[in-house]
Each structure stands twice: as structure tokens, then as C-alpha cells.
C-alpha atoms as a PDB file:
ATOM      1  CA  UNK A   1       4.133   2.591 -13.583  1.00  0.00           C
ATOM      2  CA  UNK A   2       6.699   6.048 -14.152  1.00  0.00           C
ATOM      3  CA  UNK A   3       6.506   6.004 -18.117  1.00  0.00           C
ATOM      4  CA  UNK A   4       3.186   6.426 -18.679  1.00  0.00           C
ATOM      5  CA  UNK A   5       2.499   9.386 -16.008  1.00  0.00           C
ATOM      6  CA  UNK A   6       5.758  10.717 -17.732  1.00  0.00           C
ATOM      7  CA  UNK A   7       4.340  10.653 -21.263  1.00  0.00           C
ATOM      8  CA  UNK A   8       0.786  11.563 -20.266  1.00  0.00           C
ATOM      9  CA  UNK A   9       1.914  14.631 -18.427  1.00  0.00           C
ATOM     10  CA  UNK A  10       4.400  15.063 -21.493  1.00  0.00           C
ATOM     11  CA  UNK A  11       1.872  14.824 -23.898  1.00  0.00           C
ATOM     12  CA  UNK A  12      -0.673  17.614 -22.222  1.00  0.00           C
ATOM     13  CA  UNK A  13       2.126  20.421 -21.691  1.00  0.00           C
ATOM     14  CA  UNK A  14       2.749  20.051 -25.162  1.00  0.00           C
ATOM     15  CA  UNK A  15      -0.686  20.441 -25.994  1.00  0.00           C
ATOM     16  CA  UNK A  16      -1.173  23.173 -24.251  1.00  0.00           C
ATOM     17  CA  UNK A  17       1.671  24.572 -25.516  1.00  0.00           C
ATOM     18  CA  UNK A  18       0.442  24.493 -29.124  1.00  0.00           C
ATOM     19  CA  UNK A  19      -2.651  25.829 -28.506  1.00  0.00           C
ATOM     20  CA  UNK A  20      -0.945  28.775 -25.821  1.00  0.00           C
ATOM     21  CA  UNK A  21       1.765  29.723 -29.314  1.00  0.00           C
ATOM     22  CA  UNK A  22      -1.427  29.289 -31.478  1.00  0.00           C
ATOM     23  CA  UNK A  23      -3.454  31.822 -29.013  1.00  0.00           C
ATOM     24  CA  UNK A  24      -0.931  33.839 -28.400  1.00  0.00           C
ATOM     25  CA  UNK A  25      -0.472  34.840 -32.008  1.00  0.00           C
ATOM     26  CA  UNK A  26      -3.822  34.977 -33.004  1.00  0.00           C
ATOM     27  CA  UNK A  27      -4.477  37.348 -30.088  1.00  0.00           C
ATOM     28  CA  UNK A  28      -0.704  39.333 -28.923  1.00  0.00           C
ATOM     29  CA  UNK A  29      -3.128  41.868 -26.422  1.00  0.00           C
ATOM     30  CA  UNK A  30      -3.678  39.007 -24.430  1.00  0.00           C
ATOM     31  CA  UNK A  31      -3.268  39.619 -20.157  1.00  0.00           C
ATOM     32  CA  UNK A  32      -0.600  36.993 -19.688  1.00  0.00           C
ATOM     33  CA  UNK A  33       0.069  38.142 -16.391  1.00  0.00           C
ATOM     34  CA  UNK A  34      -3.621  36.924 -15.430  1.00  0.00           C
ATOM     35  CA  UNK A  35      -3.046  33.791 -16.668  1.00  0.00           C
ATOM     36  CA  UNK A  36      -0.029  33.084 -14.511  1.00  0.00           C
ATOM     37  CA  UNK A  37      -1.920  34.059 -11.626  1.00  0.00           C
ATOM     38  CA  UNK A  38      -4.603  32.157 -13.068  1.00  0.00           C
ATOM     39  CA  UNK A  39      -1.677  29.187 -13.756  1.00  0.00           C
ATOM     40  CA  UNK A  40      -0.260  29.022 -10.009  1.00  0.00           C
ATOM     41  CA  UNK A  41      -3.781  28.947  -8.248  1.00  0.00           C
ATOM     42  CA  UNK A  42      -4.170  25.718 -10.279  1.00  0.00           C
ATOM     43  CA  UNK A  43      -0.495  24.224  -9.764  1.00  0.00           C
ATOM     44  CA  UNK A  44      -1.006  24.806  -5.607  1.00  0.00           C
ATOM     45  CA  UNK A  45      -4.214  22.631  -6.322  1.00  0.00           C
ATOM     46  CA  UNK A  46      -2.766  20.010  -8.024  1.00  0.00           C
ATOM     47  CA  UNK A  47       0.177  20.383  -5.163  1.00  0.00           C
ATOM     48  CA  UNK A  48      -2.747  19.985  -2.332  1.00  0.00           C
ATOM     49  CA  UNK A  49      -4.131  16.929  -4.871  1.00  0.00           C
ATOM     50  CA  UNK A  50      -0.443  14.994  -4.588  1.00  0.00           C
ATOM     51  CA  UNK A  51       0.060  15.674  -1.029  1.00  0.00           C
ATOM     52  CA  UNK A  52      -3.463  14.112  -0.276  1.00  0.00           C
ATOM     53  CA  UNK A  53      -3.126  11.344  -2.293  1.00  0.00           C
ATOM     54  CA  UNK A  54       0.227  10.616  -1.252  1.00  0.00           C
ATOM     55  CA  UNK A  55      -0.957  10.440   2.707  1.00  0.00           C
ATOM     56  CA  UNK A  56      -2.944   8.021   1.944  1.00  0.00           C
ATOM     57  CA  UNK A  57      -1.005   5.763   0.374  1.00  0.00           C
ATOM     58  CA  UNK A  58       1.816   6.483   2.827  1.00  0.00           C
ATOM     59  CA  UNK A  59      -0.734   5.605   5.771  1.00  0.00           C
ATOM     60  CA  UNK A  60      -1.705   2.116   4.237  1.00  0.00           C
ATOM     61  CA  UNK A  61       2.137   1.875   4.302  1.00  0.00           C
ATOM     62  CA  UNK A  62       2.477   2.577   7.360  1.00  0.00           C
ATOM     63  CA  UNK A  63      -0.480  -0.087   8.642  1.00  0.00           C
ATOM     64  CA  UNK A  64       0.824  -2.534   6.667  1.00  0.00           C
ATOM     65  CA  UNK A  65       4.219  -2.103   8.630  1.00  0.00           C
ATOM     66  CA  UNK A  66       2.701  -1.909  12.021  1.00  0.00           C
ATOM     67  CA  UNK A  67       0.277  -5.421  11.059  1.00  0.00           C
ATOM     68  CA  UNK A  68       3.686  -6.979  10.728  1.00  0.00           C
ATOM     69  CA  UNK A  69       4.722  -6.224  13.931  1.00  0.00           C
ATOM     70  CA  UNK A  70       1.328  -7.011  15.493  1.00  0.00           C
ATOM     71  CA  UNK A  71       0.921 -10.293  13.714  1.00  0.00           C
ATOM     72  CA  UNK A  72       4.545 -11.772  14.725  1.00  0.00           C
ATOM     73  CA  UNK A  73       4.107 -10.514  18.591  1.00  0.00           C
ATOM     74  CA  UNK A  74       0.394 -12.640  18.223  1.00  0.00           C
ATOM     75  CA  UNK A  75       2.138 -15.366  17.256  1.00  0.00           C
ATOM     76  CA  UNK A  76       4.362 -15.366  19.314  1.00  0.00           C
ATOM     77  CA  UNK A  77       2.262 -15.011  22.107  1.00  0.00           C
ATOM     78  CA  UNK A  78       0.070 -17.560  20.870  1.00  0.00           C
ATOM     79  CA  UNK A  79       3.298 -20.501  20.729  1.00  0.00           C
ATOM     80  CA  UNK A  80       4.333 -19.666  24.207  1.00  0.00           C
ATOM     81  CA  UNK A  81       0.956 -20.325  25.014  1.00  0.00           C
ATOM     82  CA  UNK A  82       0.607 -23.992  23.623  1.00  0.00           C
ATOM     83  CA  UNK A  83       3.009 -25.283  26.731  1.00  0.00           C
ATOM     84  CA  UNK A  84      -0.348 -24.390  28.937  1.00  0.00           C
ATOM     85  CA  UNK A  85      -2.151 -27.501  26.417  1.00  0.00           C
ATOM     86  CA  UNK A  86      -1.803 -30.669  26.814  1.00  0.00           C
ATOM     87  CA  UNK A  87      -0.328 -33.215  24.580  1.00  0.00           C
ATOM     88  CA  UNK A  88      -0.747 -34.115  21.576  1.00  0.00           C
ATOM     89  CA  UNK A  89      -2.672 -30.780  20.910  1.00  0.00           C
ATOM     90  CA  UNK A  90       0.707 -29.013  22.176  1.00  0.00           C
ATOM     91  CA  UNK A  91       2.521 -30.484  19.716  1.00  0.00           C
ATOM     92  CA  UNK A  92       0.065 -29.997  16.533  1.00  0.00           C
ATOM     93  CA  UNK A  93      -0.243 -26.580  17.345  1.00  0.00           C
ATOM     94  CA  UNK A  94       3.025 -25.637  17.069  1.00  0.00           C
ATOM     95  CA  UNK A  95       3.754 -27.411  14.093  1.00  0.00           C
ATOM     96  CA  UNK A  96       0.751 -25.773  12.495  1.00  0.00           C
ATOM     97  CA  UNK A  97       1.721 -22.149  13.907  1.00  0.00           C
ATOM     98  CA  UNK A  98       5.362 -23.107  12.707  1.00  0.00           C
ATOM     99  CA  UNK A  99       3.865 -23.583   9.355  1.00  0.00           C
ATOM    100  CA  UNK A 100       2.077 -20.574   9.354  1.00  0.00           C
ATOM    101  CA  UNK A 101       4.814 -18.158   9.608  1.00  0.00           C
ATOM    102  CA  UNK A 102       6.531 -20.109   6.824  1.00  0.00           C
ATOM    103  CA  UNK A 103       3.926 -19.272   4.686  1.00  0.00           C
ATOM    104  CA  UNK A 104       3.832 -15.628   5.322  1.00  0.00           C
ATOM    105  CA  UNK A 105       7.561 -16.220   4.496  1.00  0.00           C
ATOM    106  CA  UNK A 106       7.507 -17.520   1.788  1.00  0.00           C
ATOM    107  CA  UNK A 107       4.955 -15.149   0.251  1.00  0.00           C
ATOM    108  CA  UNK A 108       7.096 -12.285   1.194  1.00  0.00           C
ATOM    109  CA  UNK A 109       9.701 -13.634  -1.326  1.00  0.00           C
ATOM    110  CA  UNK A 110       6.781 -14.321  -3.951  1.00  0.00           C
ATOM    111  CA  UNK A 111       4.183 -12.095  -3.886  1.00  0.00           C
ATOM    112  CA  UNK A 112       2.653 -14.673  -6.507  1.00  0.00           C
ATOM    113  CA  UNK A 113       1.721 -17.386  -3.885  1.00  0.00           C
ATOM    114  CA  UNK A 114      -0.634 -14.989  -2.051  1.00  0.00           C
ATOM    115  CA  UNK A 115      -3.718 -17.002  -3.117  1.00  0.00           C
ATOM    116  CA  UNK A 116      -2.971 -20.499  -1.905  1.00  0.00           C
ATOM    117  CA  UNK A 117      -0.975 -18.545   0.895  1.00  0.00           C
ATOM    118  CA  UNK A 118      -4.498 -16.888   1.727  1.00  0.00           C
ATOM    119  CA  UNK A 119      -6.105 -20.455   1.585  1.00  0.00           C
ATOM    120  CA  UNK A 120      -3.689 -22.404   3.686  1.00  0.00           C
ATOM    121  CA  UNK A 121      -3.547 -19.876   6.524  1.00  0.00           C
ATOM    122  CA  UNK A 122      -7.226 -19.461   6.662  1.00  0.00           C
ATOM    123  CA  UNK A 123      -7.338 -23.590   7.032  1.00  0.00           C
ATOM    124  CA  UNK A 124      -4.487 -22.922   9.960  1.00  0.00           C
ATOM    125  CA  UNK A 125      -6.261 -20.773  11.704  1.00  0.00           C
ATOM    126  CA  UNK A 126     -10.294 -22.695  11.246  1.00  0.00           C
ATOM    127  CA  UNK A 127      -7.633 -25.963  12.990  1.00  0.00           C
ATOM    128  CA  UNK A 128      -7.132 -23.862  15.595  1.00  0.00           C
ATOM    129  CA  UNK A 129     -10.062 -22.312  16.176  1.00  0.00           C
ATOM    130  CA  UNK A 130     -11.838 -25.343  15.825  1.00  0.00           C
ATOM    131  CA  UNK A 131      -9.457 -27.033  18.594  1.00  0.00           C
ATOM    132  CA  UNK A 132     -11.011 -24.788  20.915  1.00  0.00           C
ATOM    133  CA  UNK A 133     -13.984 -24.970  19.877  1.00  0.00           C
ATOM    134  CA  UNK A 134     -14.519 -28.549  20.835  1.00  0.00           C
ATOM    135  CA  UNK A 135     -12.350 -28.213  24.019  1.00  0.00           C
ATOM    136  CA  UNK A 136     -14.048 -29.944  26.586  1.00  0.00           C
ATOM    137  CA  UNK A 137     -16.618 -27.629  28.929  1.00  0.00           C
ATOM    138  CA  UNK A 138     -15.071 -28.584  32.420  1.00  0.00           C
ATOM    139  CA  UNK A 139     -11.111 -27.370  30.628  1.00  0.00           C
ATOM    140  CA  UNK A 140     -13.031 -24.000  29.357  1.00  0.00           C
ATOM    141  CA  UNK A 141     -12.731 -22.493  33.124  1.00  0.00           C
ATOM    142  CA  UNK A 142      -9.539 -22.818  33.394  1.00  0.00           C
ATOM    143  CA  UNK A 143      -7.398 -19.430  32.980  1.00  0.00           C
ATOM    144  CA  UNK A 144      -4.756 -21.365  30.782  1.00  0.00           C
ATOM    145  CA  UNK A 145      -7.696 -21.941  28.518  1.00  0.00           C
ATOM    146  CA  UNK A 146      -8.700 -18.299  28.840  1.00  0.00           C
ATOM    147  CA  UNK A 147      -5.570 -17.222  27.830  1.00  0.00           C
ATOM    148  CA  UNK A 148      -4.623 -19.881  24.580  1.00  0.00           C
ATOM    149  CA  UNK A 149      -8.392 -18.747  22.989  1.00  0.00           C
ATOM    150  CA  UNK A 150      -7.271 -14.908  23.424  1.00  0.00           C
ATOM    151  CA  UNK A 151      -4.256 -15.453  21.729  1.00  0.00           C
ATOM    152  CA  UNK A 152      -6.116 -17.432  18.665  1.00  0.00           C
ATOM    153  CA  UNK A 153      -8.900 -15.015  18.028  1.00  0.00           C
ATOM    154  CA  UNK A 154      -5.541 -12.641  18.473  1.00  0.00           C
ATOM    155  CA  UNK A 155      -4.060 -14.591  15.850  1.00  0.00           C
ATOM    156  CA  UNK A 156      -7.712 -14.765  13.557  1.00  0.00           C
ATOM    157  CA  UNK A 157      -8.141 -10.598  13.491  1.00  0.00           C
ATOM    158  CA  UNK A 158      -4.573 -10.032  12.679  1.00  0.00           C
ATOM    159  CA  UNK A 159      -5.144 -12.272  10.178  1.00  0.00           C
ATOM    160  CA  UNK A 160      -8.098 -10.559   8.776  1.00  0.00           C
ATOM    161  CA  UNK A 161      -7.042  -7.101   9.264  1.00  0.00           C
ATOM    162  CA  UNK A 162      -3.434  -8.093   7.074  1.00  0.00           C
ATOM    163  CA  UNK A 163      -5.553  -9.870   4.220  1.00  0.00           C
ATOM    164  CA  UNK A 164      -7.815  -6.298   4.219  1.00  0.00           C
ATOM    165  CA  UNK A 165      -5.451  -4.287   3.830  1.00  0.00           C
ATOM    166  CA  UNK A 166      -3.378  -6.071   1.560  1.00  0.00           C
ATOM    167  CA  UNK A 167      -5.813  -7.334  -0.497  1.00  0.00           C
ATOM    168  CA  UNK A 168      -8.445  -4.982  -0.789  1.00  0.00           C
ATOM    169  CA  UNK A 169      -7.233  -1.532   0.910  1.00  0.00           C
ATOM    170  CA  UNK A 170      -6.200   0.447  -2.065  1.00  0.00           C
ATOM    171  CA  UNK A 171      -6.572   4.760  -2.564  1.00  0.00           C
ATOM    172  CA  UNK A 172     -10.261   4.688  -4.250  1.00  0.00           C
ATOM    173  CA  UNK A 173     -10.523   4.856  -7.850  1.00  0.00           C
ATOM    174  CA  UNK A 174     -12.305   8.457  -7.575  1.00  0.00           C
ATOM    175  CA  UNK A 175      -9.274  10.117  -5.728  1.00  0.00           C
ATOM    176  CA  UNK A 176      -7.058   8.552  -8.398  1.00  0.00           C
ATOM    177  CA  UNK A 177      -9.172   9.998 -10.955  1.00  0.00           C
ATOM    178  CA  UNK A 178      -9.274  13.324  -9.867  1.00  0.00           C
ATOM    179  CA  UNK A 179      -5.803  13.335  -9.548  1.00  0.00           C
ATOM    180  CA  UNK A 180      -4.842  12.338 -13.055  1.00  0.00           C
ATOM    181  CA  UNK A 181      -7.406  14.741 -14.782  1.00  0.00           C
ATOM    182  CA  UNK A 182      -6.281  17.322 -12.547  1.00  0.00           C
ATOM    183  CA  UNK A 183      -2.675  16.347 -13.441  1.00  0.00           C
ATOM    184  CA  UNK A 184      -3.752  16.872 -16.853  1.00  0.00           C
ATOM    185  CA  UNK A 185      -5.146  20.122 -17.055  1.00  0.00           C
ATOM    186  CA  UNK A 186      -2.754  21.607 -14.720  1.00  0.00           C
ATOM    187  CA  UNK A 187       0.271  20.612 -17.187  1.00  0.00           C
ATOM    188  CA  UNK A 188      -2.127  21.690 -20.101  1.00  0.00           C
ATOM    189  CA  UNK A 189      -2.296  25.348 -18.090  1.00  0.00           C
ATOM    190  CA  UNK A 190       1.131  25.217 -17.551  1.00  0.00           C
ATOM    191  CA  UNK A 191       2.213  24.481 -21.320  1.00  0.00           C
ATOM    192  CA  UNK A 192      -0.931  27.284 -22.442  1.00  0.00           C
ATOM    193  CA  UNK A 193       0.920  29.714 -20.206  1.00  0.00           C
ATOM    194  CA  UNK A 194       4.167  28.415 -21.868  1.00  0.00           C
ATOM    195  CA  UNK A 195       3.002  29.361 -25.416  1.00  0.00           C
ATOM    196  CA  UNK A 196       1.309  32.478 -24.962  1.00  0.00           C
ATOM    197  CA  UNK A 197       4.570  33.782 -23.233  1.00  0.00           C
ATOM    198  CA  UNK A 198       7.187  32.420 -25.549  1.00  0.00           C
ATOM    199  CA  UNK A 199       9.213  31.066 -22.686  1.00  0.00           C
ATOM    200  CA  UNK A 200       9.626  27.348 -21.875  1.00  0.00           C
ATOM    201  CA  UNK A 201      11.438  24.791 -23.858  1.00  0.00           C
ATOM    202  CA  UNK A 202      11.150  21.198 -24.048  1.00  0.00           C
ATOM    203  CA  UNK A 203      14.237  20.519 -20.879  1.00  0.00           C
ATOM    204  CA  UNK A 204      11.990  22.509 -18.319  1.00  0.00           C
ATOM    205  CA  UNK A 205       8.516  20.457 -19.653  1.00  0.00           C
ATOM    206  CA  UNK A 206      11.004  17.013 -19.241  1.00  0.00           C
ATOM    207  CA  UNK A 207      12.027  18.226 -15.569  1.00  0.00           C
ATOM    208  CA  UNK A 208       8.452  18.731 -14.907  1.00  0.00           C
ATOM    209  CA  UNK A 209       7.137  16.043 -16.495  1.00  0.00           C
ATOM    210  CA  UNK A 210      10.102  13.396 -14.583  1.00  0.00           C
ATOM    211  CA  UNK A 211       8.773  15.300 -10.799  1.00  0.00           C
ATOM    212  CA  UNK A 212       5.426  14.976 -11.440  1.00  0.00           C
ATOM    213  CA  UNK A 213       5.614  11.262 -12.890  1.00  0.00           C
ATOM    214  CA  UNK A 214       8.311  10.380  -9.977  1.00  0.00           C
ATOM    215  CA  UNK A 215       5.507  11.413  -7.468  1.00  0.00           C
ATOM    216  CA  UNK A 216       2.774   9.255  -8.886  1.00  0.00           C
ATOM    217  CA  UNK A 217       5.231   6.621  -9.382  1.00  0.00           C
ATOM    218  CA  UNK A 218       5.842   6.653  -5.529  1.00  0.00           C
ATOM    219  CA  UNK A 219       2.029   6.697  -4.885  1.00  0.00           C
ATOM    220  CA  UNK A 220       1.198   3.551  -6.504  1.00  0.00           C
ATOM    221  CA  UNK A 221       3.677   1.508  -5.605  1.00  0.00           C
ATOM    222  CA  UNK A 222       3.256   2.810  -2.045  1.00  0.00           C
ATOM    223  CA  UNK A 223      -0.224   1.475  -2.751  1.00  0.00           C
ATOM    224  CA  UNK A 224       0.405  -1.963  -4.262  1.00  0.00           C
ATOM    225  CA  UNK A 225       2.818  -3.746  -2.028  1.00  0.00           C
ATOM    226  CA  UNK A 226       2.638  -6.616  -4.532  1.00  0.00           C
ATOM    227  CA  UNK A 227       4.475  -4.943  -6.662  1.00  0.00           C
ATOM    228  CA  UNK A 228       7.643  -4.843  -4.014  1.00  0.00           C
ATOM    229  CA  UNK A 229       8.849  -1.794  -5.686  1.00  0.00           C
ATOM    230  CA  UNK A 230       8.949  -0.295  -1.943  1.00  0.00           C
ATOM    231  CA  UNK A 231       9.186  -3.184   0.123  1.00  0.00           C
ATOM    232  CA  UNK A 232       8.546  -3.362   3.713  1.00  0.00           C
ATOM    233  CA  UNK A 233      10.526  -4.661   6.337  1.00  0.00           C
ATOM    234  CA  UNK A 234      10.317  -8.384   6.772  1.00  0.00           C
ATOM    235  CA  UNK A 235      12.905  -8.962   8.928  1.00  0.00           C
ATOM    236  CA  UNK A 236      10.404  -9.444  12.142  1.00  0.00           C
ATOM    237  CA  UNK A 237       8.801 -12.815  10.621  1.00  0.00           C
ATOM    238  CA  UNK A 238      11.742 -13.776   9.575  1.00  0.00           C
ATOM    239  CA  UNK A 239      13.757 -13.805  12.515  1.00  0.00           C
ATOM    240  CA  UNK A 240      10.204 -15.309  13.945  1.00  0.00           C
ATOM    241  CA  UNK A 241      11.102 -18.227  11.609  1.00  0.00           C
ATOM    242  CA  UNK A 242      14.127 -18.383  12.716  1.00  0.00           C
ATOM    243  CA  UNK A 243      13.599 -19.131  15.994  1.00  0.00           C
ATOM    244  CA  UNK A 244      10.359 -21.195  16.158  1.00  0.00           C
ATOM    245  CA  UNK A 245      12.873 -23.532  13.891  1.00  0.00           C
ATOM    246  CA  UNK A 246      15.214 -23.442  16.062  1.00  0.00           C
ATOM    247  CA  UNK A 247      13.153 -24.952  19.052  1.00  0.00           C
END
């Protein structure tokens, strides 16, 4: 994710510089100041596009962190409210919740297990909800049942949000396409300015390419948590796991 943008930007600058050098020799009277003004405007637009795309990726990252904290809170609340249940439902529910937490801790260590973790987590949540549905009508009017059923509903809702954001929520392809195209065209324009002005060399091009490649790399890393290049702190769920296993 880093080398490809780096090579693409370097290639765009090089091609633009070759064409600029050719045009500069063919038309020495070309107004270089006007070209510089246009290139400045193009680079400003590119900066805006990078900032816009980065903001989307950063928002996704922040939302994932928030959902982890919310889900930890929901699991802890549900576990505490199992004390309101009668046996054997109390013990079974606690075991399912412990397994549910173990699945997510294992997933944080090995993202390749996501399909198995989602499948088993869905089964656990279905079992918990079926338990709520099969509760006798006479027991559904109690305050305890209301508290417990609300906790299960929150847990299911948090699971769906987290999976949607983790798996399906990405920067729109159209946005990335415009960003890539804009970056290449902007770098070609910059290379063109280097060519007609006779200024700028490989070192300057390399520095620019590395800077843009780093920003694009960070955007992609934030938007793809499965790569684990930018990790989300999993300490809250690990702490919860230790607490549940200690009981």
C-alpha cells in the first residue's frame, strides 16, 4: 500500500517533467508564471481532496474505537444482569457471554478468523435472544426481565453496528478513484512545471512522492483495520475477558 503510490507518483512526475522539458525547448517563450499559478491551484485542490478523504478514514477509525467501548459496556451490563435469571439459564448465559468475549479477543489477535468469529457470535446472540423469546408470558412483566431483554437487544444492536463498520463500511470507491486520478494528474502537472522551468530534480521528486505516498498509505491503513497496520486499542475487551474468567 506504500510502494504502489510511491512508484505511481514518481512516474507521474517523471512523465510530466519529460513533457515539460520537450515543450520548454520547443516553445521557449511559454509563460512560465501562468503555468506556476495553475499548478499551485491544482495542488491546492489535491490537498483538499486528501484532507477530505483522510477525514472519512479517521471518522471510521474513531467510530470503531467508540463501538468497542460501547460493546464492552453492553457485555458487562448483560453479564451482571444474568444474576436476575433463574438457574440453569443464569449459568448457560454466563458461559455464552464468556465465549462471546473470547471470540472477539481471538479475532483481535488474528483477523483471518473473522468469518468464524462472526458466524459463532451470531449463533450465540441467537441463542440468547431465543432464550428471551421463550420466557414464559407470566415472567415477561417483571422488571428483571425488562432489564435483561434490553441488555440483549443492545448487545445484538452493537454487534450489527460493529460488523457493518468493520466489514462493509469503507471509503467509497468513487472517492478513492477521484483521489488517485487527481493525485496523478497533479503530480504530472508539477513535473511539467519542473520541465519547462528547468528546476527540480530527482531528490525533490522523491521527497514529494514519499510525502504523498505516506498520506495515501495512512488513509488506506485507517480504512482497512484487517491489515492491522493501524491498530485499535483492544485493552478494554481484554480487561473484560480477564474479569469474566476470574469470576
